[in-house]
Amino acid sequence: MSDVYTDADYAFLWNPEEQRTEWKRINVLYMGCDDHRQIIADIHSGEYAEDYEIFLFLAEEAEKAQRKAEKERNAKKGLKRIAKGRVCRAIKGRKVPKGTEGKIFYIRDNRIGFKDTDDVAHWINADQIEVMYKSWDYEPSDSWRKEWKRYVALDCHTAQAAYANNEAPQSLKNPYAAKQ
């Protein structure tokens, strides 16, 4: 074991001649350096300044595309989330046959209860089902984000579930109200 202590600065550099990146040691123990812990790049001037500007532009465009794709994934995930009244289908598991479809009536922790078309209740874990949105192979004509905006614009959970299940919305009138 040694009692020698050193402090070194490294920079990740692009080597344009060899067309590769590499780590370079810039400074050891700040010998002959007045700017401690600062590495100042001169990329904004010189022969590679234009290439650097193009790199920054392409990196920004890639970041925008990645954010847009993330918003699309989140919107699709939100539309296919597990909720009461939504239609689901078993995709794996032992006790419920794969492909069994039904409407969710119970959600607690990780357990889901759904009834199939014969009114038989099935109990399954949340990770063993997929939720339908409009149809099993539905793709919106514009984007999932715009479809999400249309979905949340509906005024209540019942209307949203009917819209997602591609059903006629249920009447919101009180069946026990006095008839006129």
N, C-alpha and C. Protein backbone atom coordinates (compact mmCIF):
# COMPACT_ATOMS: atom_id res chain seq x y z
N MET A 1 0.84 -1.18 0.00
CA MET A 1 0.00 0.00 0.00
C MET A 1 0.88 1.23 0.00
N SER A 2 0.43 2.24 -0.70
CA SER A 2 1.25 3.43 -0.86
C SER A 2 0.56 4.62 -0.22
N ASP A 3 1.37 5.54 0.23
CA ASP A 3 0.80 6.76 0.81
C ASP A 3 0.84 7.91 -0.19
N VAL A 4 1.04 7.60 -1.46
CA VAL A 4 1.09 8.63 -2.50
C VAL A 4 -0.33 8.94 -2.94
N TYR A 5 -0.62 10.22 -3.02
CA TYR A 5 -1.93 10.68 -3.45
C TYR A 5 -1.74 11.54 -4.69
N THR A 6 -2.56 11.28 -5.66
CA THR A 6 -2.49 12.10 -6.86
C THR A 6 -3.90 12.46 -7.30
N ASP A 7 -3.98 13.53 -8.00
CA ASP A 7 -5.25 13.99 -8.53
C ASP A 7 -5.04 14.26 -10.01
N ALA A 8 -5.84 13.61 -10.85
CA ALA A 8 -5.64 13.75 -12.29
C ALA A 8 -6.97 14.07 -12.94
N ASP A 9 -6.91 14.87 -13.98
CA ASP A 9 -8.09 15.21 -14.77
C ASP A 9 -8.00 14.49 -16.10
N TYR A 10 -9.11 13.87 -16.50
CA TYR A 10 -9.19 13.19 -17.78
C TYR A 10 -10.32 13.83 -18.58
N ALA A 11 -10.19 13.77 -19.88
CA ALA A 11 -11.23 14.28 -20.77
C ALA A 11 -11.54 13.22 -21.81
N PHE A 12 -12.79 13.12 -22.18
CA PHE A 12 -13.23 12.21 -23.23
C PHE A 12 -13.20 13.00 -24.53
N LEU A 13 -12.32 12.62 -25.43
CA LEU A 13 -12.06 13.41 -26.63
C LEU A 13 -12.44 12.65 -27.89
N TRP A 14 -12.77 13.42 -28.91
CA TRP A 14 -13.00 12.88 -30.24
C TRP A 14 -11.72 13.10 -31.05
N ASN A 15 -11.23 12.02 -31.59
CA ASN A 15 -10.03 12.09 -32.41
C ASN A 15 -10.47 12.05 -33.87
N PRO A 16 -10.50 13.21 -34.55
CA PRO A 16 -11.05 13.24 -35.91
C PRO A 16 -10.17 12.51 -36.93
N GLU A 17 -8.86 12.46 -36.70
CA GLU A 17 -7.98 11.79 -37.65
C GLU A 17 -8.24 10.28 -37.66
N GLU A 18 -8.45 9.71 -36.47
CA GLU A 18 -8.68 8.27 -36.37
C GLU A 18 -10.16 7.92 -36.31
N GLN A 19 -11.03 8.93 -36.27
CA GLN A 19 -12.49 8.75 -36.25
C GLN A 19 -12.93 7.88 -35.07
N ARG A 20 -12.43 8.19 -33.87
CA ARG A 20 -12.81 7.45 -32.68
C ARG A 20 -12.69 8.35 -31.45
N THR A 21 -13.29 7.90 -30.35
CA THR A 21 -13.19 8.65 -29.10
C THR A 21 -12.19 7.96 -28.20
N GLU A 22 -11.59 8.75 -27.30
CA GLU A 22 -10.62 8.18 -26.37
C GLU A 22 -10.52 9.06 -25.13
N TRP A 23 -10.06 8.47 -24.03
CA TRP A 23 -9.83 9.20 -22.80
C TRP A 23 -8.38 9.68 -22.80
N LYS A 24 -8.15 10.95 -22.46
CA LYS A 24 -6.81 11.51 -22.38
C LYS A 24 -6.60 12.13 -21.01
N ARG A 25 -5.41 11.90 -20.44
CA ARG A 25 -5.08 12.57 -19.20
C ARG A 25 -4.63 13.98 -19.54
N ILE A 26 -5.28 14.96 -18.94
CA ILE A 26 -5.02 16.36 -19.25
C ILE A 26 -4.07 16.98 -18.24
N ASN A 27 -4.24 16.65 -16.98
CA ASN A 27 -3.50 17.32 -15.93
C ASN A 27 -3.29 16.37 -14.76
N VAL A 28 -2.10 16.40 -14.17
CA VAL A 28 -1.80 15.62 -12.98
C VAL A 28 -1.31 16.57 -11.90
N LEU A 29 -1.95 16.53 -10.74
CA LEU A 29 -1.57 17.35 -9.59
C LEU A 29 -1.56 18.84 -9.90
N TYR A 30 -2.23 19.24 -10.94
CA TYR A 30 -2.36 20.65 -11.31
C TYR A 30 -1.01 21.32 -11.49
N MET A 31 -0.07 20.59 -12.00
CA MET A 31 1.27 21.15 -12.23
C MET A 31 1.24 22.06 -13.45
N GLY A 32 1.62 23.27 -13.25
CA GLY A 32 1.66 24.23 -14.35
C GLY A 32 0.30 24.65 -14.82
N CYS A 33 -0.71 24.53 -13.98
CA CYS A 33 -2.08 24.87 -14.37
C CYS A 33 -2.67 25.82 -13.34
N ASP A 34 -3.10 26.97 -13.79
CA ASP A 34 -3.70 27.94 -12.88
C ASP A 34 -5.20 27.70 -12.70
N ASP A 35 -5.85 27.06 -13.67
CA ASP A 35 -7.29 26.81 -13.61
C ASP A 35 -7.53 25.42 -13.03
N HIS A 36 -7.65 25.37 -11.72
CA HIS A 36 -7.82 24.08 -11.06
C HIS A 36 -9.21 23.52 -11.36
N ARG A 37 -9.24 22.24 -11.73
CA ARG A 37 -10.47 21.50 -12.01
C ARG A 37 -11.30 22.13 -13.14
N GLN A 38 -10.66 22.75 -14.08
CA GLN A 38 -11.36 23.29 -15.23
C GLN A 38 -10.66 22.84 -16.50
N ILE A 39 -11.44 22.27 -17.38
CA ILE A 39 -10.93 21.92 -18.70
C ILE A 39 -11.75 22.73 -19.68
N ILE A 40 -11.10 23.59 -20.39
CA ILE A 40 -11.80 24.49 -21.32
C ILE A 40 -11.54 24.00 -22.73
N ALA A 41 -12.62 23.70 -23.43
CA ALA A 41 -12.51 23.20 -24.80
C ALA A 41 -12.48 24.37 -25.77
N ASP A 42 -11.67 24.24 -26.79
CA ASP A 42 -11.60 25.27 -27.82
C ASP A 42 -12.34 24.82 -29.08
N ILE A 43 -13.40 24.06 -28.88
CA ILE A 43 -14.13 23.50 -30.00
C ILE A 43 -14.98 24.54 -30.73
N HIS A 44 -15.26 25.65 -30.09
CA HIS A 44 -16.11 26.67 -30.71
C HIS A 44 -15.37 27.50 -31.75
N SER A 45 -14.07 27.36 -31.81
CA SER A 45 -13.29 28.04 -32.84
C SER A 45 -12.31 27.03 -33.41
N GLY A 46 -11.85 27.27 -34.56
CA GLY A 46 -10.89 26.35 -35.17
C GLY A 46 -11.53 25.56 -36.30
N GLU A 47 -10.78 24.57 -36.76
CA GLU A 47 -11.22 23.85 -37.96
C GLU A 47 -12.38 22.89 -37.71
N TYR A 48 -12.64 22.50 -36.45
CA TYR A 48 -13.72 21.55 -36.16
C TYR A 48 -14.96 22.22 -35.58
N ALA A 49 -15.00 23.54 -35.57
CA ALA A 49 -16.14 24.26 -34.99
C ALA A 49 -17.43 23.95 -35.74
N GLU A 50 -17.38 23.92 -37.06
CA GLU A 50 -18.59 23.64 -37.84
C GLU A 50 -19.07 22.20 -37.61
N ASP A 51 -18.14 21.26 -37.54
CA ASP A 51 -18.52 19.87 -37.25
C ASP A 51 -19.16 19.75 -35.87
N TYR A 52 -18.65 20.51 -34.91
CA TYR A 52 -19.20 20.48 -33.56
C TYR A 52 -20.61 21.05 -33.54
N GLU A 53 -20.85 22.13 -34.27
CA GLU A 53 -22.20 22.70 -34.36
C GLU A 53 -23.17 21.70 -34.97
N ILE A 54 -22.74 20.99 -35.99
CA ILE A 54 -23.58 19.96 -36.61
C ILE A 54 -23.85 18.84 -35.61
N PHE A 55 -22.82 18.44 -34.87
CA PHE A 55 -22.99 17.41 -33.83
C PHE A 55 -24.00 17.85 -32.78
N LEU A 56 -23.90 19.10 -32.32
CA LEU A 56 -24.85 19.60 -31.32
C LEU A 56 -26.27 19.61 -31.87
N PHE A 57 -26.44 20.03 -33.12
CA PHE A 57 -27.77 20.05 -33.73
C PHE A 57 -28.35 18.65 -33.83
N LEU A 58 -27.55 17.69 -34.29
CA LEU A 58 -28.03 16.31 -34.42
C LEU A 58 -28.33 15.69 -33.06
N ALA A 59 -27.52 16.02 -32.06
CA ALA A 59 -27.78 15.51 -30.72
C ALA A 59 -29.09 16.07 -30.16
N GLU A 60 -29.35 17.34 -30.42
CA GLU A 60 -30.60 17.97 -29.96
C GLU A 60 -31.81 17.35 -30.67
N GLU A 61 -31.70 17.10 -31.97
CA GLU A 61 -32.78 16.47 -32.72
C GLU A 61 -33.03 15.04 -32.22
N ALA A 62 -31.96 14.33 -31.93
CA ALA A 62 -32.13 12.96 -31.40
C ALA A 62 -32.81 13.00 -30.04
N GLU A 63 -32.48 13.98 -29.20
CA GLU A 63 -33.11 14.12 -27.89
C GLU A 63 -34.60 14.44 -28.04
N LYS A 64 -34.95 15.30 -28.98
CA LYS A 64 -36.36 15.63 -29.23
C LYS A 64 -37.13 14.39 -29.69
N ALA A 65 -36.54 13.63 -30.59
CA ALA A 65 -37.20 12.41 -31.07
C ALA A 65 -37.37 11.40 -29.95
N GLN A 66 -36.39 11.31 -29.06
CA GLN A 66 -36.49 10.39 -27.94
C GLN A 66 -37.58 10.82 -26.97
N ARG A 67 -37.69 12.13 -26.70
CA ARG A 67 -38.76 12.62 -25.81
C ARG A 67 -40.13 12.37 -26.43
N LYS A 68 -40.26 12.58 -27.74
CA LYS A 68 -41.54 12.35 -28.41
C LYS A 68 -41.93 10.87 -28.35
N ALA A 69 -40.96 9.99 -28.58
CA ALA A 69 -41.23 8.55 -28.52
C ALA A 69 -41.62 8.14 -27.10
N GLU A 70 -40.98 8.74 -26.10
CA GLU A 70 -41.32 8.44 -24.70
C GLU A 70 -42.75 8.89 -24.38
N LYS A 71 -43.14 10.05 -24.88
CA LYS A 71 -44.52 10.54 -24.66
C LYS A 71 -45.52 9.62 -25.34
N GLU A 72 -45.20 9.12 -26.53
CA GLU A 72 -46.08 8.17 -27.23
C GLU A 72 -46.23 6.89 -26.42
N ARG A 73 -45.11 6.35 -25.92
CA ARG A 73 -45.17 5.12 -25.12
C ARG A 73 -45.99 5.33 -23.86
N ASN A 74 -45.81 6.47 -23.19
CA ASN A 74 -46.57 6.74 -21.97
C ASN A 74 -48.06 6.89 -22.25
N ALA A 75 -48.42 7.53 -23.37
CA ALA A 75 -49.83 7.67 -23.72
C ALA A 75 -50.45 6.30 -24.01
N LYS A 76 -49.75 5.46 -24.74
CA LYS A 76 -50.26 4.12 -25.05
C LYS A 76 -50.40 3.30 -23.77
N LYS A 77 -49.41 3.41 -22.89
CA LYS A 77 -49.47 2.69 -21.61
C LYS A 77 -50.64 3.19 -20.78
N GLY A 78 -50.91 4.50 -20.80
CA GLY A 78 -52.02 5.06 -20.05
C GLY A 78 -53.37 4.60 -20.59
N LEU A 79 -53.48 4.49 -21.90
CA LEU A 79 -54.74 4.04 -22.49
C LEU A 79 -54.99 2.55 -22.25
N LYS A 80 -53.95 1.79 -22.06
CA LYS A 80 -54.10 0.36 -21.85
C LYS A 80 -53.91 -0.02 -20.38
N ARG A 81 -54.12 0.92 -19.48
CA ARG A 81 -53.94 0.63 -18.07
C ARG A 81 -55.12 -0.18 -17.53
N ILE A 82 -54.87 -0.87 -16.45
CA ILE A 82 -55.89 -1.72 -15.82
C ILE A 82 -56.85 -0.84 -15.04
N ALA A 83 -58.14 -0.98 -15.32
CA ALA A 83 -59.17 -0.24 -14.61
C ALA A 83 -60.47 -1.04 -14.64
N LYS A 84 -61.32 -0.80 -13.65
CA LYS A 84 -62.61 -1.49 -13.60
C LYS A 84 -63.43 -1.10 -14.83
N GLY A 85 -64.12 -2.09 -15.38
CA GLY A 85 -64.97 -1.85 -16.55
C GLY A 85 -64.25 -2.05 -17.87
N ARG A 86 -62.93 -2.22 -17.85
CA ARG A 86 -62.17 -2.40 -19.08
C ARG A 86 -62.15 -3.87 -19.48
N VAL A 87 -62.04 -4.13 -20.77
CA VAL A 87 -61.98 -5.49 -21.30
C VAL A 87 -60.52 -5.94 -21.28
N CYS A 88 -60.29 -7.16 -20.81
CA CYS A 88 -58.93 -7.68 -20.74
C CYS A 88 -58.90 -9.10 -21.27
N ARG A 89 -57.69 -9.61 -21.45
CA ARG A 89 -57.52 -10.99 -21.89
C ARG A 89 -56.30 -11.57 -21.20
N ALA A 90 -56.39 -12.84 -20.83
CA ALA A 90 -55.28 -13.54 -20.17
C ALA A 90 -54.21 -13.84 -21.20
N ILE A 91 -52.97 -13.50 -20.87
CA ILE A 91 -51.87 -13.77 -21.79
C ILE A 91 -50.91 -14.82 -21.24
N LYS A 92 -51.00 -15.11 -19.94
CA LYS A 92 -50.20 -16.18 -19.35
C LYS A 92 -50.82 -16.58 -18.02
N GLY A 93 -50.36 -17.66 -17.47
CA GLY A 93 -50.88 -18.15 -16.20
C GLY A 93 -51.23 -19.62 -16.29
N ARG A 94 -51.53 -20.22 -15.11
CA ARG A 94 -51.82 -21.65 -15.05
C ARG A 94 -53.31 -21.93 -15.00
N LYS A 95 -54.03 -21.17 -14.17
CA LYS A 95 -55.42 -21.52 -13.88
C LYS A 95 -56.42 -20.95 -14.87
N VAL A 96 -56.10 -19.83 -15.46
CA VAL A 96 -56.99 -19.22 -16.45
C VAL A 96 -56.39 -19.50 -17.83
N PRO A 97 -57.18 -20.11 -18.73
CA PRO A 97 -56.64 -20.42 -20.06
C PRO A 97 -56.24 -19.14 -20.81
N LYS A 98 -55.13 -19.22 -21.54
CA LYS A 98 -54.68 -18.08 -22.34
C LYS A 98 -55.76 -17.72 -23.35
N GLY A 99 -55.94 -16.43 -23.55
CA GLY A 99 -56.93 -15.96 -24.52
C GLY A 99 -58.31 -15.73 -23.93
N THR A 100 -58.51 -16.06 -22.65
CA THR A 100 -59.80 -15.83 -22.01
C THR A 100 -60.02 -14.33 -21.87
N GLU A 101 -61.14 -13.85 -22.40
CA GLU A 101 -61.44 -12.42 -22.37
C GLU A 101 -62.58 -12.15 -21.42
N GLY A 102 -62.61 -10.97 -20.86
CA GLY A 102 -63.70 -10.58 -19.98
C GLY A 102 -63.56 -9.14 -19.52
N LYS A 103 -64.53 -8.71 -18.73
CA LYS A 103 -64.56 -7.34 -18.23
C LYS A 103 -64.12 -7.33 -16.77
N ILE A 104 -63.21 -6.42 -16.44
CA ILE A 104 -62.64 -6.33 -15.09
C ILE A 104 -63.69 -5.78 -14.13
N PHE A 105 -63.87 -6.48 -13.00
CA PHE A 105 -64.80 -6.00 -11.98
C PHE A 105 -64.13 -5.84 -10.61
N TYR A 106 -62.88 -6.31 -10.47
CA TYR A 106 -62.22 -6.29 -9.17
C TYR A 106 -60.73 -6.01 -9.36
N ILE A 107 -60.21 -5.07 -8.56
CA ILE A 107 -58.78 -4.78 -8.57
C ILE A 107 -58.36 -4.55 -7.12
N ARG A 108 -57.40 -5.30 -6.68
CA ARG A 108 -56.81 -5.05 -5.37
C ARG A 108 -55.38 -5.53 -5.40
N ASP A 109 -54.47 -4.64 -5.03
CA ASP A 109 -53.04 -4.92 -5.06
C ASP A 109 -52.66 -5.46 -6.44
N ASN A 110 -52.24 -6.70 -6.50
CA ASN A 110 -51.80 -7.29 -7.76
C ASN A 110 -52.83 -8.25 -8.34
N ARG A 111 -53.99 -8.39 -7.72
CA ARG A 111 -55.00 -9.35 -8.16
C ARG A 111 -56.09 -8.66 -8.96
N ILE A 112 -56.50 -9.33 -10.01
CA ILE A 112 -57.54 -8.82 -10.90
C ILE A 112 -58.65 -9.87 -10.97
N GLY A 113 -59.88 -9.41 -10.91
CA GLY A 113 -61.03 -10.28 -11.14
C GLY A 113 -61.74 -9.82 -12.39
N PHE A 114 -62.03 -10.75 -13.30
CA PHE A 114 -62.79 -10.39 -14.49
C PHE A 114 -63.77 -11.49 -14.83
N LYS A 115 -64.89 -11.09 -15.45
CA LYS A 115 -65.92 -12.04 -15.85
C LYS A 115 -65.91 -12.18 -17.36
N ASP A 116 -65.97 -13.44 -17.80
CA ASP A 116 -66.02 -13.66 -19.24
C ASP A 116 -67.45 -13.54 -19.75
N THR A 117 -67.68 -13.86 -21.00
CA THR A 117 -69.00 -13.70 -21.60
C THR A 117 -70.05 -14.62 -20.99
N ASP A 118 -69.62 -15.72 -20.35
CA ASP A 118 -70.55 -16.65 -19.70
C ASP A 118 -70.77 -16.30 -18.24
N ASP A 119 -70.35 -15.13 -17.80
CA ASP A 119 -70.45 -14.65 -16.40
C ASP A 119 -69.70 -15.55 -15.42
N VAL A 120 -68.61 -16.14 -15.86
CA VAL A 120 -67.75 -16.92 -14.97
C VAL A 120 -66.62 -16.00 -14.54
N ALA A 121 -66.42 -15.90 -13.23
CA ALA A 121 -65.38 -15.03 -12.70
C ALA A 121 -64.03 -15.73 -12.74
N HIS A 122 -63.01 -15.01 -13.14
CA HIS A 122 -61.64 -15.52 -13.16
C HIS A 122 -60.78 -14.58 -12.33
N TRP A 123 -59.82 -15.15 -11.60
CA TRP A 123 -58.91 -14.37 -10.76
C TRP A 123 -57.50 -14.60 -11.27
N ILE A 124 -56.79 -13.49 -11.46
CA ILE A 124 -55.48 -13.57 -12.09
C ILE A 124 -54.61 -12.41 -11.62
N ASN A 125 -53.31 -12.56 -11.75
CA ASN A 125 -52.40 -11.48 -11.39
C ASN A 125 -52.39 -10.41 -12.48
N ALA A 126 -52.07 -9.19 -12.09
CA ALA A 126 -52.11 -8.07 -13.03
C ALA A 126 -51.11 -8.21 -14.17
N ASP A 127 -49.98 -8.87 -13.91
CA ASP A 127 -48.99 -9.01 -14.98
C ASP A 127 -49.33 -10.13 -15.96
N GLN A 128 -50.44 -10.84 -15.74
CA GLN A 128 -50.83 -11.94 -16.60
C GLN A 128 -51.96 -11.59 -17.55
N ILE A 129 -52.31 -10.31 -17.61
CA ILE A 129 -53.37 -9.88 -18.54
C ILE A 129 -52.88 -8.72 -19.39
N GLU A 130 -53.58 -8.50 -20.48
CA GLU A 130 -53.41 -7.29 -21.26
C GLU A 130 -54.78 -6.66 -21.41
N VAL A 131 -54.79 -5.34 -21.42
CA VAL A 131 -56.05 -4.61 -21.50
C VAL A 131 -56.27 -4.14 -22.93
N MET A 132 -57.49 -4.31 -23.40
CA MET A 132 -57.83 -3.90 -24.76
C MET A 132 -58.13 -2.41 -24.79
N TYR A 133 -57.75 -1.76 -25.88
CA TYR A 133 -58.18 -0.39 -26.13
C TYR A 133 -58.83 -0.38 -27.50
N LYS A 134 -60.14 -0.17 -27.55
CA LYS A 134 -60.99 -0.16 -28.74
C LYS A 134 -61.03 -1.51 -29.45
N SER A 135 -59.88 -2.08 -29.80
CA SER A 135 -59.79 -3.43 -30.35
C SER A 135 -58.38 -3.93 -30.05
N TRP A 136 -58.16 -5.20 -30.22
CA TRP A 136 -56.87 -5.75 -29.83
C TRP A 136 -55.73 -5.26 -30.72
N ASP A 137 -56.01 -4.94 -31.96
CA ASP A 137 -54.95 -4.48 -32.87
C ASP A 137 -55.13 -3.01 -33.24
N TYR A 138 -55.75 -2.23 -32.36
CA TYR A 138 -56.05 -0.83 -32.65
C TYR A 138 -54.79 0.02 -32.74
N GLU A 139 -54.70 0.83 -33.77
CA GLU A 139 -53.67 1.86 -33.91
C GLU A 139 -54.40 3.15 -34.29
N PRO A 140 -54.20 4.23 -33.54
CA PRO A 140 -54.88 5.48 -33.86
C PRO A 140 -54.40 6.04 -35.20
N SER A 141 -55.26 6.80 -35.84
CA SER A 141 -54.90 7.36 -37.15
C SER A 141 -53.87 8.48 -37.03
N ASP A 142 -53.88 9.21 -35.92
CA ASP A 142 -52.92 10.30 -35.77
C ASP A 142 -51.77 9.92 -34.83
N SER A 143 -52.01 9.86 -33.53
CA SER A 143 -50.97 9.45 -32.58
C SER A 143 -51.63 9.02 -31.27
N TRP A 144 -50.87 8.29 -30.46
CA TRP A 144 -51.39 7.85 -29.17
C TRP A 144 -51.58 9.03 -28.23
N ARG A 145 -50.76 10.07 -28.37
CA ARG A 145 -50.91 11.25 -27.50
C ARG A 145 -52.23 11.97 -27.79
N LYS A 146 -52.58 12.10 -29.07
CA LYS A 146 -53.86 12.75 -29.41
C LYS A 146 -55.04 11.87 -29.00
N GLU A 147 -54.88 10.57 -29.10
CA GLU A 147 -55.92 9.65 -28.65
C GLU A 147 -56.09 9.77 -27.13
N TRP A 148 -54.98 9.92 -26.40
CA TRP A 148 -55.03 10.11 -24.96
C TRP A 148 -55.80 11.39 -24.62
N LYS A 149 -55.58 12.45 -25.37
CA LYS A 149 -56.29 13.72 -25.13
C LYS A 149 -57.79 13.55 -25.37
N ARG A 150 -58.16 12.80 -26.39
CA ARG A 150 -59.59 12.54 -26.63
C ARG A 150 -60.19 11.72 -25.49
N TYR A 151 -59.43 10.76 -25.01
CA TYR A 151 -59.89 9.88 -23.93
C TYR A 151 -60.12 10.65 -22.64
N VAL A 152 -59.17 11.47 -22.23
CA VAL A 152 -59.31 12.20 -20.97
C VAL A 152 -60.29 13.36 -21.07
N ALA A 153 -60.66 13.76 -22.28
CA ALA A 153 -61.64 14.83 -22.44
C ALA A 153 -63.04 14.35 -22.08
N LEU A 154 -63.26 13.03 -22.05
CA LEU A 154 -64.57 12.51 -21.65
C LEU A 154 -64.78 12.79 -20.18
N ASP A 155 -66.03 13.06 -19.80
CA ASP A 155 -66.32 13.64 -18.49
C ASP A 155 -66.29 12.68 -17.31
N CYS A 156 -66.43 11.38 -17.48
CA CYS A 156 -66.48 10.50 -16.32
C CYS A 156 -65.85 9.15 -16.65
N HIS A 157 -65.60 8.38 -15.62
CA HIS A 157 -64.96 7.08 -15.77
C HIS A 157 -65.81 6.13 -16.62
N THR A 158 -67.12 6.18 -16.44
CA THR A 158 -68.01 5.29 -17.19
C THR A 158 -67.92 5.58 -18.68
N ALA A 159 -67.91 6.85 -19.04
CA ALA A 159 -67.81 7.22 -20.46
C ALA A 159 -66.44 6.84 -21.02
N GLN A 160 -65.40 6.99 -20.22
CA GLN A 160 -64.06 6.61 -20.67
C GLN A 160 -63.96 5.11 -20.89
N ALA A 161 -64.51 4.31 -19.98
CA ALA A 161 -64.47 2.85 -20.13
C ALA A 161 -65.25 2.42 -21.36
N ALA A 162 -66.41 3.03 -21.60
CA ALA A 162 -67.21 2.68 -22.79
C ALA A 162 -66.46 3.06 -24.06
N TYR A 163 -65.79 4.21 -24.06
CA TYR A 163 -65.02 4.66 -25.22
C TYR A 163 -63.85 3.70 -25.47
N ALA A 164 -63.16 3.31 -24.40
CA ALA A 164 -62.00 2.42 -24.53
C ALA A 164 -62.43 1.02 -24.97
N ASN A 165 -63.61 0.55 -24.53
CA ASN A 165 -64.09 -0.78 -24.89
C ASN A 165 -64.84 -0.78 -26.21
N ASN A 166 -64.95 0.39 -26.84
CA ASN A 166 -65.65 0.55 -28.11
C ASN A 166 -67.12 0.14 -27.99
N GLU A 167 -67.74 0.56 -26.87
CA GLU A 167 -69.14 0.26 -26.60
C GLU A 167 -69.94 1.55 -26.66
N ALA A 168 -71.25 1.39 -26.71
CA ALA A 168 -72.14 2.56 -26.61
C ALA A 168 -72.11 3.02 -25.16
N PRO A 169 -71.97 4.31 -24.90
CA PRO A 169 -71.92 4.77 -23.50
C PRO A 169 -73.22 4.50 -22.78
N GLN A 170 -73.10 4.14 -21.51
CA GLN A 170 -74.28 3.88 -20.71
C GLN A 170 -74.96 5.19 -20.36
N SER A 171 -76.27 5.11 -20.18
CA SER A 171 -77.01 6.30 -19.80
C SER A 171 -76.65 6.70 -18.38
N LEU A 172 -76.49 7.97 -18.17
CA LEU A 172 -76.13 8.46 -16.84
C LEU A 172 -77.36 8.88 -16.05
N LYS A 173 -78.57 8.63 -16.60
CA LYS A 173 -79.79 8.99 -15.90
C LYS A 173 -80.01 8.07 -14.71
N ASN A 174 -80.62 8.58 -13.69
CA ASN A 174 -80.93 7.79 -12.50
C ASN A 174 -82.12 6.90 -12.79
N PRO A 175 -81.99 5.58 -12.71
CA PRO A 175 -83.12 4.70 -13.03
C PRO A 175 -84.23 4.77 -11.96
N TYR A 176 -83.91 5.31 -10.81
CA TYR A 176 -84.90 5.39 -9.73
C TYR A 176 -85.58 6.76 -9.65
N ALA A 177 -85.22 7.63 -10.56
CA ALA A 177 -85.83 8.96 -10.55
C ALA A 177 -87.30 8.86 -10.98
N ALA A 178 -88.11 9.83 -10.53
CA ALA A 178 -89.52 9.85 -10.88
C ALA A 178 -89.68 10.06 -12.38
N LYS A 179 -90.60 9.31 -12.97
CA LYS A 179 -90.86 9.44 -14.42
C LYS A 179 -91.75 10.62 -14.67
N GLN A 180 -91.49 11.28 -15.74
CA GLN A 180 -92.31 12.46 -16.08
C GLN A 180 -93.21 12.19 -17.23
